[in-house]
Amino acid sequence: MHWDRSLAVASQIRELIPLTKHMTALEFGAGTGITSFMQKDYLKEITLMDTSLEMLRVINNKIKEYGTDNLKTINFDLEKAAYKETTFDLIFNLMVLHHINDTEDIISKFYNVLNPGGFLAIADLFPEDGSFHGKDFTGHKGFDPEELSKLLIKAGFTNISYRKCFVIEKKISDSETKHFNLFLILSQRAVIK
C-alpha cells in the first residue's frame, strides 16, 4: 500500500507540476524515502528531511545500494526551527502534515524555504473520524482542503488547486476495514516582480 500510495502521488505531482532536471526539491518528513526515489530521475537534486535517524539510516543505505547521486539526507526538525541552509524549487510531503501540531507555522516555513515560483505539494487525509490512527492519536484527523487553502493563502501561496489522489484501504479492527480518501493540494510561491 505504501508503494502504491507513493506511486499515485509521485505520478500526479509529475503530471501537474512542470518538473525539470534543473530543479531542487525537499521531501519533508521523508520516512524511508519511497516518493523521492520515484522522483529522482525528474529533478536535479532532492533533500530528504526527517527527524528520525533510523529512517535516514534506511534511506542512506538505499542511496548506497542504488548508487544514487542526487539524493541526500538531513536530520532536521522543521517544526522546532527555521531551515536557513538553502532554498528549493519544490517541497513535497506525503501523510506528514496530520502529524504536525502547528499547521500554519509549518506552511509559513515551507514558504520561506521555497524559491520564488517554487511549488508546494501536500498529500494527506481528508477529514476522518479518528479511526485511521486510533483513539490515542494526538494529531489532526485529516484536513478540509478548503480550510488548508486559506492557510496557504495567508502564508502567501497562490495558484492553489487540489484533487482526490488515492484511497487507503485500512483494517481498523479484526472485523472492519475502512476506506480513507487522500487529497493532493498544490500551491506556488509567487514570483517576485
N, C-alpha and C. Protein backbone atom coordinates (compact mmCIF):
# COMPACT_ATOMS: atom_id res chain seq x y z
N MET A 1 0.82 -1.20 0.00
CA MET A 1 0.00 0.00 0.00
C MET A 1 0.86 1.26 0.00
N HIS A 2 1.95 1.26 0.80
CA HIS A 2 2.82 2.45 0.84
C HIS A 2 3.41 2.73 -0.55
N TRP A 3 3.79 1.66 -1.24
CA TRP A 3 4.37 1.80 -2.59
C TRP A 3 3.31 2.38 -3.54
N ASP A 4 2.11 1.79 -3.52
CA ASP A 4 1.04 2.25 -4.42
C ASP A 4 0.66 3.71 -4.13
N ARG A 5 0.61 4.04 -2.85
CA ARG A 5 0.27 5.41 -2.46
C ARG A 5 1.33 6.38 -2.96
N SER A 6 2.59 6.06 -2.73
CA SER A 6 3.68 6.93 -3.20
C SER A 6 3.68 7.05 -4.71
N LEU A 7 3.43 5.95 -5.39
CA LEU A 7 3.39 5.95 -6.85
C LEU A 7 2.28 6.86 -7.37
N ALA A 8 1.11 6.79 -6.74
CA ALA A 8 -0.02 7.63 -7.14
C ALA A 8 0.31 9.11 -6.95
N VAL A 9 0.88 9.44 -5.82
CA VAL A 9 1.20 10.84 -5.52
C VAL A 9 2.34 11.33 -6.41
N ALA A 10 3.40 10.54 -6.54
CA ALA A 10 4.55 10.94 -7.35
C ALA A 10 4.14 11.19 -8.80
N SER A 11 3.33 10.31 -9.35
CA SER A 11 2.94 10.45 -10.76
C SER A 11 2.03 11.67 -10.95
N GLN A 12 1.17 11.97 -9.97
CA GLN A 12 0.31 13.15 -10.09
C GLN A 12 1.10 14.44 -9.92
N ILE A 13 2.11 14.43 -9.08
CA ILE A 13 2.99 15.61 -8.97
C ILE A 13 3.66 15.86 -10.32
N ARG A 14 4.14 14.79 -10.95
CA ARG A 14 4.79 14.95 -12.27
C ARG A 14 3.80 15.42 -13.33
N GLU A 15 2.56 14.98 -13.21
CA GLU A 15 1.53 15.38 -14.17
C GLU A 15 1.16 16.86 -14.02
N LEU A 16 1.15 17.35 -12.78
CA LEU A 16 0.61 18.68 -12.51
C LEU A 16 1.66 19.78 -12.36
N ILE A 17 2.90 19.40 -12.10
CA ILE A 17 3.97 20.39 -11.93
C ILE A 17 5.02 20.14 -13.01
N PRO A 18 5.44 21.19 -13.72
CA PRO A 18 6.43 21.01 -14.79
C PRO A 18 7.84 20.81 -14.23
N LEU A 19 8.12 19.59 -13.80
CA LEU A 19 9.44 19.29 -13.22
C LEU A 19 10.52 19.32 -14.29
N THR A 20 11.70 19.79 -13.89
CA THR A 20 12.84 19.78 -14.82
C THR A 20 14.08 19.31 -14.07
N LYS A 21 15.09 18.94 -14.83
CA LYS A 21 16.36 18.47 -14.25
C LYS A 21 17.19 19.62 -13.68
N HIS A 22 16.65 20.83 -13.72
CA HIS A 22 17.33 21.98 -13.11
C HIS A 22 16.78 22.26 -11.71
N MET A 23 15.70 21.57 -11.33
CA MET A 23 15.01 21.88 -10.09
C MET A 23 15.56 21.08 -8.90
N THR A 24 15.58 21.74 -7.74
CA THR A 24 15.92 21.07 -6.49
C THR A 24 14.64 20.91 -5.67
N ALA A 25 14.59 19.85 -4.87
CA ALA A 25 13.39 19.56 -4.11
C ALA A 25 13.73 19.16 -2.68
N LEU A 26 12.75 19.34 -1.82
CA LEU A 26 12.82 18.90 -0.44
C LEU A 26 11.64 17.98 -0.17
N GLU A 27 11.93 16.75 0.30
CA GLU A 27 10.85 15.92 0.81
C GLU A 27 10.86 16.08 2.32
N PHE A 28 9.80 16.68 2.84
CA PHE A 28 9.67 16.93 4.27
C PHE A 28 9.01 15.72 4.93
N GLY A 29 9.65 15.20 5.99
CA GLY A 29 9.11 14.01 6.63
C GLY A 29 9.25 12.81 5.70
N ALA A 30 10.47 12.59 5.23
CA ALA A 30 10.70 11.66 4.13
C ALA A 30 10.46 10.19 4.47
N GLY A 31 10.48 9.84 5.75
CA GLY A 31 10.30 8.42 6.09
C GLY A 31 11.40 7.59 5.47
N THR A 32 11.01 6.55 4.74
CA THR A 32 12.01 5.71 4.06
C THR A 32 12.33 6.20 2.65
N GLY A 33 11.74 7.34 2.25
CA GLY A 33 12.14 7.99 1.01
C GLY A 33 11.55 7.42 -0.27
N ILE A 34 10.48 6.63 -0.17
CA ILE A 34 9.92 5.99 -1.37
C ILE A 34 9.57 7.03 -2.44
N THR A 35 8.89 8.09 -2.05
CA THR A 35 8.43 9.09 -3.03
C THR A 35 9.61 9.78 -3.70
N SER A 36 10.65 10.09 -2.93
CA SER A 36 11.84 10.74 -3.52
C SER A 36 12.54 9.83 -4.52
N PHE A 37 12.63 8.54 -4.20
CA PHE A 37 13.26 7.61 -5.14
C PHE A 37 12.47 7.56 -6.44
N MET A 38 11.15 7.71 -6.36
CA MET A 38 10.31 7.73 -7.56
C MET A 38 10.48 9.02 -8.37
N GLN A 39 10.93 10.10 -7.71
CA GLN A 39 11.07 11.40 -8.39
C GLN A 39 12.50 11.71 -8.80
N LYS A 40 13.47 10.89 -8.39
CA LYS A 40 14.88 11.25 -8.54
C LYS A 40 15.31 11.46 -9.99
N ASP A 41 14.68 10.79 -10.94
CA ASP A 41 15.08 10.92 -12.34
C ASP A 41 14.51 12.16 -13.02
N TYR A 42 13.67 12.89 -12.30
CA TYR A 42 12.99 14.05 -12.89
C TYR A 42 13.49 15.38 -12.32
N LEU A 43 14.38 15.32 -11.34
CA LEU A 43 14.85 16.52 -10.65
C LEU A 43 16.37 16.51 -10.54
N LYS A 44 16.94 17.68 -10.37
CA LYS A 44 18.40 17.79 -10.23
C LYS A 44 18.87 17.16 -8.92
N GLU A 45 18.19 17.53 -7.82
CA GLU A 45 18.59 17.02 -6.51
C GLU A 45 17.40 17.05 -5.56
N ILE A 46 17.32 16.05 -4.70
CA ILE A 46 16.28 16.00 -3.67
C ILE A 46 16.95 15.85 -2.31
N THR A 47 16.57 16.73 -1.39
CA THR A 47 16.99 16.63 0.00
C THR A 47 15.87 15.97 0.78
N LEU A 48 16.18 14.88 1.47
CA LEU A 48 15.19 14.15 2.24
C LEU A 48 15.36 14.51 3.71
N MET A 49 14.40 15.23 4.26
CA MET A 49 14.47 15.73 5.63
C MET A 49 13.58 14.89 6.54
N ASP A 50 14.14 14.46 7.66
CA ASP A 50 13.35 13.73 8.65
C ASP A 50 13.98 13.93 10.02
N THR A 51 13.17 13.73 11.07
CA THR A 51 13.69 13.83 12.43
C THR A 51 14.16 12.48 12.96
N SER A 52 13.83 11.40 12.24
CA SER A 52 14.18 10.05 12.69
C SER A 52 15.52 9.60 12.10
N LEU A 53 16.49 9.41 12.95
CA LEU A 53 17.80 8.92 12.48
C LEU A 53 17.69 7.53 11.88
N GLU A 54 16.78 6.73 12.40
CA GLU A 54 16.60 5.37 11.87
C GLU A 54 16.07 5.42 10.43
N MET A 55 15.08 6.28 10.19
CA MET A 55 14.56 6.43 8.82
C MET A 55 15.66 6.91 7.88
N LEU A 56 16.44 7.87 8.32
CA LEU A 56 17.52 8.40 7.49
C LEU A 56 18.59 7.34 7.23
N ARG A 57 18.83 6.47 8.20
CA ARG A 57 19.78 5.37 8.00
C ARG A 57 19.28 4.43 6.90
N VAL A 58 17.98 4.13 6.92
CA VAL A 58 17.38 3.29 5.87
C VAL A 58 17.56 3.94 4.50
N ILE A 59 17.28 5.25 4.42
CA ILE A 59 17.42 5.97 3.15
C ILE A 59 18.87 5.95 2.69
N ASN A 60 19.79 6.27 3.59
CA ASN A 60 21.21 6.30 3.20
C ASN A 60 21.70 4.94 2.71
N ASN A 61 21.21 3.87 3.31
CA ASN A 61 21.55 2.52 2.82
C ASN A 61 21.00 2.30 1.42
N LYS A 62 19.77 2.78 1.16
CA LYS A 62 19.18 2.64 -0.18
C LYS A 62 19.94 3.48 -1.20
N ILE A 63 20.36 4.67 -0.80
CA ILE A 63 21.13 5.54 -1.71
C ILE A 63 22.42 4.83 -2.12
N LYS A 64 23.11 4.21 -1.14
CA LYS A 64 24.35 3.47 -1.44
C LYS A 64 24.06 2.25 -2.32
N GLU A 65 23.00 1.52 -1.96
CA GLU A 65 22.64 0.29 -2.70
C GLU A 65 22.35 0.59 -4.16
N TYR A 66 21.63 1.69 -4.42
CA TYR A 66 21.24 2.01 -5.80
C TYR A 66 22.27 2.91 -6.50
N GLY A 67 23.28 3.37 -5.77
CA GLY A 67 24.29 4.24 -6.38
C GLY A 67 23.71 5.57 -6.84
N THR A 68 22.73 6.06 -6.10
CA THR A 68 22.06 7.30 -6.46
C THR A 68 22.89 8.49 -6.02
N ASP A 69 23.11 9.44 -6.94
CA ASP A 69 23.98 10.56 -6.59
C ASP A 69 23.25 11.89 -6.43
N ASN A 70 21.91 11.90 -6.60
CA ASN A 70 21.21 13.18 -6.47
C ASN A 70 20.19 13.19 -5.32
N LEU A 71 20.33 12.25 -4.39
CA LEU A 71 19.53 12.26 -3.17
C LEU A 71 20.46 12.44 -1.99
N LYS A 72 20.06 13.33 -1.05
CA LYS A 72 20.85 13.49 0.17
C LYS A 72 19.89 13.64 1.35
N THR A 73 20.35 13.24 2.52
CA THR A 73 19.50 13.26 3.70
C THR A 73 19.95 14.35 4.67
N ILE A 74 18.99 14.81 5.47
CA ILE A 74 19.30 15.76 6.53
C ILE A 74 18.41 15.47 7.73
N ASN A 75 19.03 15.41 8.89
CA ASN A 75 18.31 15.25 10.14
C ASN A 75 18.00 16.64 10.68
N PHE A 76 16.73 17.04 10.55
CA PHE A 76 16.35 18.40 10.95
C PHE A 76 14.89 18.41 11.35
N ASP A 77 14.56 19.18 12.40
CA ASP A 77 13.19 19.30 12.87
C ASP A 77 12.65 20.68 12.49
N LEU A 78 11.98 20.73 11.36
CA LEU A 78 11.45 22.00 10.84
C LEU A 78 10.33 22.55 11.72
N GLU A 79 9.70 21.68 12.50
CA GLU A 79 8.67 22.15 13.44
C GLU A 79 9.28 23.07 14.50
N LYS A 80 10.51 22.77 14.89
CA LYS A 80 11.13 23.48 16.00
C LYS A 80 12.05 24.62 15.59
N ALA A 81 12.49 24.63 14.36
CA ALA A 81 13.45 25.66 13.92
C ALA A 81 13.29 25.96 12.44
N ALA A 82 13.66 27.18 12.06
CA ALA A 82 13.63 27.56 10.65
C ALA A 82 14.87 26.99 9.97
N TYR A 83 14.70 26.52 8.74
CA TYR A 83 15.81 25.96 7.97
C TYR A 83 16.38 27.08 7.10
N LYS A 84 17.68 27.37 7.22
CA LYS A 84 18.26 28.52 6.52
C LYS A 84 19.42 28.16 5.62
N GLU A 85 19.66 26.87 5.44
CA GLU A 85 20.84 26.44 4.66
C GLU A 85 20.70 26.72 3.17
N THR A 86 19.51 26.48 2.63
CA THR A 86 19.29 26.65 1.19
C THR A 86 17.79 26.79 0.93
N THR A 87 17.44 27.03 -0.33
CA THR A 87 16.03 27.08 -0.72
C THR A 87 15.82 26.08 -1.85
N PHE A 88 14.55 25.80 -2.15
CA PHE A 88 14.20 24.74 -3.08
C PHE A 88 13.17 25.23 -4.10
N ASP A 89 13.08 24.48 -5.20
CA ASP A 89 12.08 24.76 -6.23
C ASP A 89 10.78 23.99 -6.00
N LEU A 90 10.87 22.96 -5.17
CA LEU A 90 9.70 22.12 -4.89
C LEU A 90 9.83 21.55 -3.48
N ILE A 91 8.73 21.57 -2.74
CA ILE A 91 8.65 20.86 -1.47
C ILE A 91 7.47 19.91 -1.58
N PHE A 92 7.67 18.67 -1.20
CA PHE A 92 6.54 17.74 -1.19
C PHE A 92 6.57 16.90 0.08
N ASN A 93 5.38 16.49 0.50
CA ASN A 93 5.27 15.58 1.63
C ASN A 93 4.00 14.76 1.51
N LEU A 94 4.08 13.57 2.05
CA LEU A 94 3.01 12.59 1.92
C LEU A 94 2.68 12.03 3.29
N MET A 95 1.44 12.26 3.73
CA MET A 95 0.94 11.74 5.01
C MET A 95 1.79 12.20 6.19
N VAL A 96 2.24 13.45 6.13
CA VAL A 96 3.06 14.02 7.20
C VAL A 96 2.32 15.13 7.94
N LEU A 97 1.58 15.95 7.19
CA LEU A 97 1.01 17.17 7.77
C LEU A 97 0.09 16.87 8.97
N HIS A 98 -0.64 15.76 8.94
CA HIS A 98 -1.56 15.50 10.05
C HIS A 98 -0.83 15.15 11.36
N HIS A 99 0.48 14.93 11.27
CA HIS A 99 1.29 14.70 12.48
C HIS A 99 1.87 16.01 13.05
N ILE A 100 1.76 17.11 12.30
CA ILE A 100 2.36 18.38 12.69
C ILE A 100 1.37 19.18 13.55
N ASN A 101 1.80 19.60 14.72
CA ASN A 101 0.90 20.32 15.62
C ASN A 101 0.44 21.65 15.04
N ASP A 102 1.39 22.50 14.65
CA ASP A 102 1.06 23.85 14.18
C ASP A 102 1.14 23.90 12.66
N THR A 103 0.01 23.63 12.02
CA THR A 103 -0.05 23.57 10.56
C THR A 103 0.29 24.93 9.94
N GLU A 104 -0.23 25.99 10.51
CA GLU A 104 0.01 27.32 9.96
C GLU A 104 1.50 27.67 9.99
N ASP A 105 2.16 27.34 11.08
CA ASP A 105 3.59 27.64 11.21
C ASP A 105 4.41 26.85 10.19
N ILE A 106 4.11 25.57 10.01
CA ILE A 106 4.92 24.76 9.09
C ILE A 106 4.71 25.22 7.65
N ILE A 107 3.49 25.65 7.31
CA ILE A 107 3.23 26.16 5.96
C ILE A 107 4.02 27.45 5.72
N SER A 108 4.10 28.28 6.75
CA SER A 108 4.91 29.51 6.65
C SER A 108 6.39 29.16 6.44
N LYS A 109 6.86 28.13 7.15
CA LYS A 109 8.26 27.71 6.98
C LYS A 109 8.50 27.12 5.59
N PHE A 110 7.52 26.39 5.06
CA PHE A 110 7.64 25.89 3.68
C PHE A 110 7.81 27.08 2.73
N TYR A 111 6.97 28.09 2.91
CA TYR A 111 7.02 29.27 2.04
C TYR A 111 8.42 29.89 2.06
N ASN A 112 8.98 29.99 3.25
CA ASN A 112 10.28 30.65 3.41
C ASN A 112 11.45 29.87 2.81
N VAL A 113 11.32 28.57 2.63
CA VAL A 113 12.42 27.80 2.03
C VAL A 113 12.18 27.48 0.55
N LEU A 114 11.13 28.07 -0.01
CA LEU A 114 10.89 27.92 -1.45
C LEU A 114 11.45 29.11 -2.21
N ASN A 115 11.99 28.84 -3.37
CA ASN A 115 12.39 29.90 -4.29
C ASN A 115 11.14 30.57 -4.85
N PRO A 116 11.21 31.84 -5.27
CA PRO A 116 10.07 32.46 -5.95
C PRO A 116 9.66 31.59 -7.14
N GLY A 117 8.37 31.34 -7.26
CA GLY A 117 7.85 30.47 -8.30
C GLY A 117 7.89 28.99 -7.93
N GLY A 118 8.45 28.68 -6.76
CA GLY A 118 8.55 27.28 -6.32
C GLY A 118 7.20 26.69 -5.94
N PHE A 119 7.14 25.38 -5.97
CA PHE A 119 5.88 24.66 -5.75
C PHE A 119 5.87 23.92 -4.41
N LEU A 120 4.68 23.85 -3.82
CA LEU A 120 4.44 23.04 -2.63
C LEU A 120 3.37 22.02 -2.97
N ALA A 121 3.66 20.74 -2.69
CA ALA A 121 2.70 19.65 -2.92
C ALA A 121 2.52 18.87 -1.63
N ILE A 122 1.30 18.86 -1.12
CA ILE A 122 0.98 18.17 0.13
C ILE A 122 -0.08 17.11 -0.15
N ALA A 123 0.22 15.88 0.21
CA ALA A 123 -0.77 14.81 0.11
C ALA A 123 -1.10 14.34 1.52
N ASP A 124 -2.39 14.34 1.85
CA ASP A 124 -2.78 13.95 3.20
C ASP A 124 -4.24 13.51 3.21
N LEU A 125 -4.72 13.20 4.40
CA LEU A 125 -6.07 12.68 4.58
C LEU A 125 -7.13 13.77 4.52
N PHE A 126 -8.23 13.47 3.85
CA PHE A 126 -9.43 14.27 4.02
C PHE A 126 -9.90 14.07 5.47
N PRO A 127 -10.79 14.93 5.98
CA PRO A 127 -11.27 14.74 7.36
C PRO A 127 -11.81 13.32 7.57
N GLU A 128 -11.44 12.74 8.72
CA GLU A 128 -11.91 11.39 9.06
C GLU A 128 -12.27 11.35 10.54
N ASP A 129 -12.89 10.27 10.97
CA ASP A 129 -13.48 10.19 12.31
C ASP A 129 -12.48 9.82 13.42
N GLY A 130 -11.21 9.74 13.07
CA GLY A 130 -10.21 9.39 14.08
C GLY A 130 -9.83 7.93 14.07
N SER A 131 -10.51 7.14 13.26
CA SER A 131 -10.22 5.70 13.24
C SER A 131 -8.97 5.35 12.44
N PHE A 132 -8.42 6.30 11.68
CA PHE A 132 -7.22 5.99 10.90
C PHE A 132 -6.05 5.64 11.82
N HIS A 133 -5.83 6.47 12.83
CA HIS A 133 -4.73 6.22 13.78
C HIS A 133 -5.20 5.61 15.10
N GLY A 134 -6.48 5.75 15.41
CA GLY A 134 -6.98 5.21 16.68
C GLY A 134 -7.13 6.29 17.74
N LYS A 135 -7.70 5.90 18.87
CA LYS A 135 -8.13 6.87 19.88
C LYS A 135 -7.00 7.60 20.59
N ASP A 136 -5.80 7.05 20.63
CA ASP A 136 -4.70 7.70 21.35
C ASP A 136 -3.91 8.70 20.50
N PHE A 137 -4.26 8.82 19.23
CA PHE A 137 -3.54 9.72 18.33
C PHE A 137 -3.83 11.18 18.69
N THR A 138 -2.79 11.99 18.77
CA THR A 138 -2.96 13.39 19.18
C THR A 138 -2.85 14.39 18.02
N GLY A 139 -2.62 13.91 16.82
CA GLY A 139 -2.50 14.80 15.66
C GLY A 139 -3.86 15.16 15.08
N HIS A 140 -3.84 15.63 13.84
CA HIS A 140 -5.06 16.06 13.15
C HIS A 140 -5.79 14.86 12.55
N LYS A 141 -7.11 14.93 12.54
CA LYS A 141 -7.93 13.88 11.93
C LYS A 141 -8.24 14.29 10.48
N GLY A 142 -7.17 14.45 9.72
CA GLY A 142 -7.32 14.88 8.33
C GLY A 142 -7.55 16.38 8.21
N PHE A 143 -7.74 16.83 6.97
CA PHE A 143 -7.91 18.25 6.69
C PHE A 143 -8.98 18.46 5.63
N ASP A 144 -9.69 19.55 5.76
CA ASP A 144 -10.57 20.03 4.71
C ASP A 144 -9.67 20.85 3.77
N PRO A 145 -9.53 20.45 2.52
CA PRO A 145 -8.64 21.19 1.61
C PRO A 145 -9.00 22.67 1.45
N GLU A 146 -10.29 23.00 1.61
CA GLU A 146 -10.69 24.41 1.53
C GLU A 146 -10.10 25.20 2.70
N GLU A 147 -10.13 24.62 3.89
CA GLU A 147 -9.54 25.28 5.06
C GLU A 147 -8.01 25.37 4.94
N LEU A 148 -7.41 24.30 4.41
CA LEU A 148 -5.97 24.30 4.19
C LEU A 148 -5.59 25.36 3.15
N SER A 149 -6.43 25.54 2.15
CA SER A 149 -6.20 26.57 1.13
C SER A 149 -6.12 27.95 1.76
N LYS A 150 -6.97 28.20 2.77
CA LYS A 150 -6.96 29.51 3.44
C LYS A 150 -5.63 29.75 4.15
N LEU A 151 -5.07 28.68 4.76
CA LEU A 151 -3.76 28.81 5.42
C LEU A 151 -2.66 29.07 4.39
N LEU A 152 -2.77 28.42 3.24
CA LEU A 152 -1.79 28.62 2.17
C LEU A 152 -1.84 30.06 1.66
N ILE A 153 -3.05 30.58 1.46
CA ILE A 153 -3.20 31.96 1.00
C ILE A 153 -2.64 32.92 2.03
N LYS A 154 -2.93 32.66 3.31
CA LYS A 154 -2.44 33.52 4.40
C LYS A 154 -0.91 33.58 4.42
N ALA A 155 -0.27 32.44 4.08
CA ALA A 155 1.20 32.38 4.06
C ALA A 155 1.79 33.05 2.82
N GLY A 156 0.95 33.32 1.81
CA GLY A 156 1.44 33.99 0.60
C GLY A 156 1.39 33.13 -0.66
N PHE A 157 0.90 31.88 -0.54
CA PHE A 157 0.85 30.99 -1.70
C PHE A 157 -0.26 31.40 -2.66
N THR A 158 -0.04 31.07 -3.94
CA THR A 158 -1.03 31.34 -4.99
C THR A 158 -1.23 30.06 -5.81
N ASN A 159 -2.06 30.15 -6.84
CA ASN A 159 -2.29 29.03 -7.77
C ASN A 159 -2.61 27.73 -7.03
N ILE A 160 -3.55 27.80 -6.10
CA ILE A 160 -3.88 26.65 -5.26
C ILE A 160 -4.93 25.79 -5.95
N SER A 161 -4.68 24.50 -5.97
CA SER A 161 -5.65 23.54 -6.51
C SER A 161 -5.50 22.23 -5.74
N TYR A 162 -6.57 21.44 -5.72
CA TYR A 162 -6.48 20.14 -5.07
C TYR A 162 -7.38 19.13 -5.77
N ARG A 163 -7.08 17.88 -5.50
CA ARG A 163 -7.86 16.77 -6.06
C ARG A 163 -7.71 15.55 -5.15
N LYS A 164 -8.68 14.67 -5.22
CA LYS A 164 -8.54 13.38 -4.55
C LYS A 164 -7.48 12.61 -5.32
N CYS A 165 -6.53 12.00 -4.60
CA CYS A 165 -5.41 11.37 -5.30
C CYS A 165 -5.23 9.88 -4.99
N PHE A 166 -5.84 9.40 -3.92
CA PHE A 166 -5.65 7.98 -3.56
C PHE A 166 -6.67 7.59 -2.50
N VAL A 167 -6.94 6.30 -2.41
CA VAL A 167 -7.80 5.76 -1.36
C VAL A 167 -7.02 4.68 -0.62
N ILE A 168 -6.89 4.86 0.68
CA ILE A 168 -6.22 3.86 1.52
C ILE A 168 -7.28 2.92 2.08
N GLU A 169 -7.08 1.64 1.89
CA GLU A 169 -7.94 0.63 2.50
C GLU A 169 -7.20 0.11 3.72
N LYS A 170 -7.76 0.35 4.90
CA LYS A 170 -7.04 0.03 6.13
C LYS A 170 -7.91 -0.78 7.07
N LYS A 171 -7.33 -1.82 7.62
CA LYS A 171 -8.02 -2.64 8.61
C LYS A 171 -7.95 -1.91 9.95
N ILE A 172 -9.10 -1.54 10.51
CA ILE A 172 -9.10 -0.77 11.75
C ILE A 172 -9.50 -1.63 12.97
N SER A 173 -9.96 -2.84 12.70
CA SER A 173 -10.23 -3.80 13.77
C SER A 173 -10.20 -5.19 13.15
N ASP A 174 -10.38 -6.21 13.98
CA ASP A 174 -10.37 -7.58 13.46
C ASP A 174 -11.46 -7.81 12.43
N SER A 175 -12.54 -7.05 12.55
CA SER A 175 -13.69 -7.31 11.67
C SER A 175 -14.03 -6.17 10.72
N GLU A 176 -13.29 -5.05 10.80
CA GLU A 176 -13.68 -3.90 9.97
C GLU A 176 -12.50 -3.31 9.21
N THR A 177 -12.76 -3.07 7.92
CA THR A 177 -11.82 -2.37 7.06
C THR A 177 -12.51 -1.11 6.56
N LYS A 178 -11.78 0.01 6.58
CA LYS A 178 -12.35 1.28 6.12
C LYS A 178 -11.53 1.86 4.99
N HIS A 179 -12.18 2.70 4.20
CA HIS A 179 -11.51 3.43 3.13
C HIS A 179 -11.29 4.88 3.58
N PHE A 180 -10.08 5.35 3.37
CA PHE A 180 -9.72 6.73 3.73
C PHE A 180 -9.22 7.43 2.48
N ASN A 181 -9.86 8.55 2.15
CA ASN A 181 -9.50 9.31 0.95
C ASN A 181 -8.35 10.26 1.23
N LEU A 182 -7.43 10.35 0.28
CA LEU A 182 -6.31 11.29 0.34
C LEU A 182 -6.49 12.36 -0.73
N PHE A 183 -6.06 13.58 -0.40
CA PHE A 183 -6.04 14.66 -1.38
C PHE A 183 -4.60 15.02 -1.68
N LEU A 184 -4.39 15.63 -2.83
CA LEU A 184 -3.13 16.28 -3.19
C LEU A 184 -3.46 17.73 -3.43
N ILE A 185 -2.86 18.61 -2.61
CA ILE A 185 -3.06 20.04 -2.79
C ILE A 185 -1.75 20.67 -3.26
N LEU A 186 -1.86 21.48 -4.30
CA LEU A 186 -0.69 22.14 -4.88
C LEU A 186 -0.81 23.65 -4.72
N SER A 187 0.31 24.30 -4.51
CA SER A 187 0.33 25.75 -4.46
C SER A 187 1.71 26.23 -4.89
N GLN A 188 1.82 27.52 -5.05
CA GLN A 188 3.06 28.08 -5.61
C GLN A 188 3.42 29.37 -4.88
N ARG A 189 4.71 29.52 -4.60
CA ARG A 189 5.19 30.80 -4.07
C ARG A 189 5.24 31.80 -5.21
N ALA A 190 4.66 32.95 -4.99
CA ALA A 190 4.58 33.95 -6.06
C ALA A 190 5.97 34.34 -6.56
N VAL A 191 6.04 34.60 -7.84
CA VAL A 191 7.29 35.09 -8.44
C VAL A 191 7.40 36.58 -8.12
N ILE A 192 8.55 37.00 -7.63
CA ILE A 192 8.76 38.41 -7.28
C ILE A 192 8.87 39.22 -8.57
N LYS A 193 8.09 40.29 -8.66
CA LYS A 193 8.11 41.11 -9.88
C LYS A 193 9.03 42.29 -9.70
